[in-house]
Amino acid sequence: MPEKFPAVGHRYLVDFKAFRVELVFASETSMTYYNLNAKGEHVGQETVTVAIDPVRDDLFLVTWTESDKTTVVHLEDYRLNRIVTNITDPTTGLSRFEGAMTRLD
C-alpha cells in the first residue's frame, strides 16, 4: 500500500542556496509555491497541480508544470529534510538544485 504523503496541510521553507521558496501543500494534488526575496518576503506565487509518487519510505517524486510551461521535478526526502529539484525553463533549459527544507508549522 502506498505511503501517505506527509506534507499535506503543512508549509515548508526550502533553501536551494541560489534561491528560496515556501511550499504549501493543500492536498495531494494542489500546492502553492511562494518565491522569497532576501528578506524572506513573498515576491511571487503560483498554485499548481502536482503529481506525487512514493519512491520509498519518506521519499517522494513530486512533479508539476507552471503556467509559463516551466516543468519542475522534485525528489523530496522527508527523512533527511532535503529536496533535489530539476527545473526545465522554456527559455534557459535545465537547471538542477539541492537544498534543505524546514517545516514551518
Protein backbone atom coordinates (compact mmCIF):
# COMPACT_ATOMS: atom_id res chain seq x y z
CA MET A 1 0.00 0.00 0.00
CA PRO A 2 1.45 3.42 -0.96
CA GLU A 3 2.68 5.59 1.88
CA LYS A 4 0.68 8.71 2.72
CA PHE A 5 2.35 11.94 1.57
CA PRO A 6 3.43 13.71 4.81
CA ALA A 7 3.44 17.30 3.51
CA VAL A 8 -0.32 17.78 3.07
CA GLY A 9 -1.56 20.58 5.32
CA HIS A 10 1.96 21.87 6.01
CA ARG A 11 4.28 24.68 4.93
CA TYR A 12 7.98 24.23 4.16
CA LEU A 13 10.84 26.64 3.62
CA VAL A 14 13.29 25.30 1.05
CA ASP A 15 16.74 26.86 0.72
CA PHE A 16 18.33 25.94 -2.62
CA LYS A 17 21.16 28.48 -1.94
CA ALA A 18 20.60 30.16 -5.35
CA PHE A 19 17.01 30.91 -4.32
CA ARG A 20 14.49 30.17 -1.58
CA VAL A 21 10.85 29.14 -1.79
CA GLU A 22 7.99 28.33 0.53
CA LEU A 23 5.86 25.31 -0.40
CA VAL A 24 2.31 24.96 0.92
CA PHE A 25 0.60 21.63 0.23
CA ALA A 26 -3.21 21.96 0.31
CA SER A 27 -3.75 18.36 -0.84
CA GLU A 28 -2.05 15.53 -2.70
CA THR A 29 -2.89 17.33 -5.95
CA SER A 30 -2.54 21.04 -5.07
CA MET A 31 0.46 23.04 -3.92
CA THR A 32 1.20 26.77 -3.80
CA TYR A 33 4.79 27.88 -4.06
CA TYR A 34 5.98 31.32 -3.00
CA ASN A 35 9.21 32.83 -4.30
CA LEU A 36 11.08 34.60 -1.49
CA ASN A 37 13.35 37.63 -1.63
CA ALA A 38 16.50 38.08 0.50
CA LYS A 39 14.34 39.28 3.44
CA GLY A 40 12.15 36.16 3.24
CA GLU A 41 9.15 38.07 1.89
CA HIS A 42 6.81 36.56 -0.70
CA VAL A 43 7.59 38.12 -4.10
CA GLY A 44 5.64 35.80 -6.39
CA GLN A 45 3.42 32.78 -6.15
CA GLU A 46 1.51 30.21 -8.14
CA THR A 47 -0.83 27.38 -7.24
CA VAL A 48 -0.08 24.29 -9.30
CA THR A 49 -1.48 20.80 -9.76
CA VAL A 50 1.08 18.28 -8.55
CA ALA A 51 1.56 14.58 -9.16
CA ILE A 52 3.05 12.68 -6.21
CA ASP A 53 4.65 9.25 -6.47
CA PRO A 54 6.13 7.40 -3.50
CA VAL A 55 9.66 6.07 -4.09
CA ARG A 56 10.42 4.58 -0.66
CA ASP A 57 9.58 5.40 2.96
CA ASP A 58 9.67 9.20 3.35
CA LEU A 59 10.87 9.78 -0.25
CA PHE A 60 8.53 11.14 -2.94
CA LEU A 61 8.74 12.26 -6.56
CA VAL A 62 6.68 15.47 -6.90
CA THR A 63 6.15 16.98 -10.36
CA TRP A 64 4.25 19.88 -11.92
CA THR A 65 4.06 22.29 -14.85
CA GLU A 66 3.83 26.03 -14.23
CA SER A 67 1.70 28.49 -16.20
CA ASP A 68 4.71 29.60 -18.30
CA LYS A 69 5.37 25.93 -19.23
CA THR A 70 8.30 25.55 -16.81
CA THR A 71 8.40 21.94 -15.61
CA VAL A 72 9.60 21.02 -12.13
CA VAL A 73 10.63 17.61 -10.79
CA HIS A 74 11.32 17.31 -7.05
CA LEU A 75 12.77 14.38 -5.20
CA GLU A 76 11.52 15.20 -1.69
CA ASP A 77 13.15 13.32 1.18
CA TYR A 78 11.20 13.78 4.42
CA ARG A 79 13.66 11.60 6.36
CA LEU A 80 16.69 13.79 5.51
CA ASN A 81 14.69 17.03 5.02
CA ARG A 82 16.27 17.57 1.59
CA ILE A 83 14.93 18.31 -1.87
CA VAL A 84 16.67 17.80 -5.20
CA THR A 85 14.95 19.75 -7.97
CA ASN A 86 15.29 19.68 -11.72
CA ILE A 87 13.69 22.68 -13.42
CA THR A 88 13.25 22.91 -17.17
CA ASP A 89 12.59 26.51 -18.18
CA PRO A 90 11.29 27.08 -21.74
CA THR A 91 13.99 29.72 -22.33
CA THR A 92 17.03 28.73 -20.29
CA GLY A 93 16.73 24.94 -20.32
CA LEU A 94 17.55 22.54 -17.49
CA SER A 95 18.81 23.59 -14.05
CA ARG A 96 19.43 21.38 -11.01
CA PHE A 97 19.48 22.47 -7.36
CA GLU A 98 19.59 20.75 -4.00
CA GLY A 99 18.58 22.22 -0.67
CA ALA A 100 17.39 21.79 2.87
CA MET A 101 13.72 22.01 3.76
CA THR A 102 12.32 23.13 7.10
CA ARG A 103 8.73 22.63 8.17
CA LEU A 104 7.30 25.99 9.24
CA ASP A 105 4.17 24.87 11.12
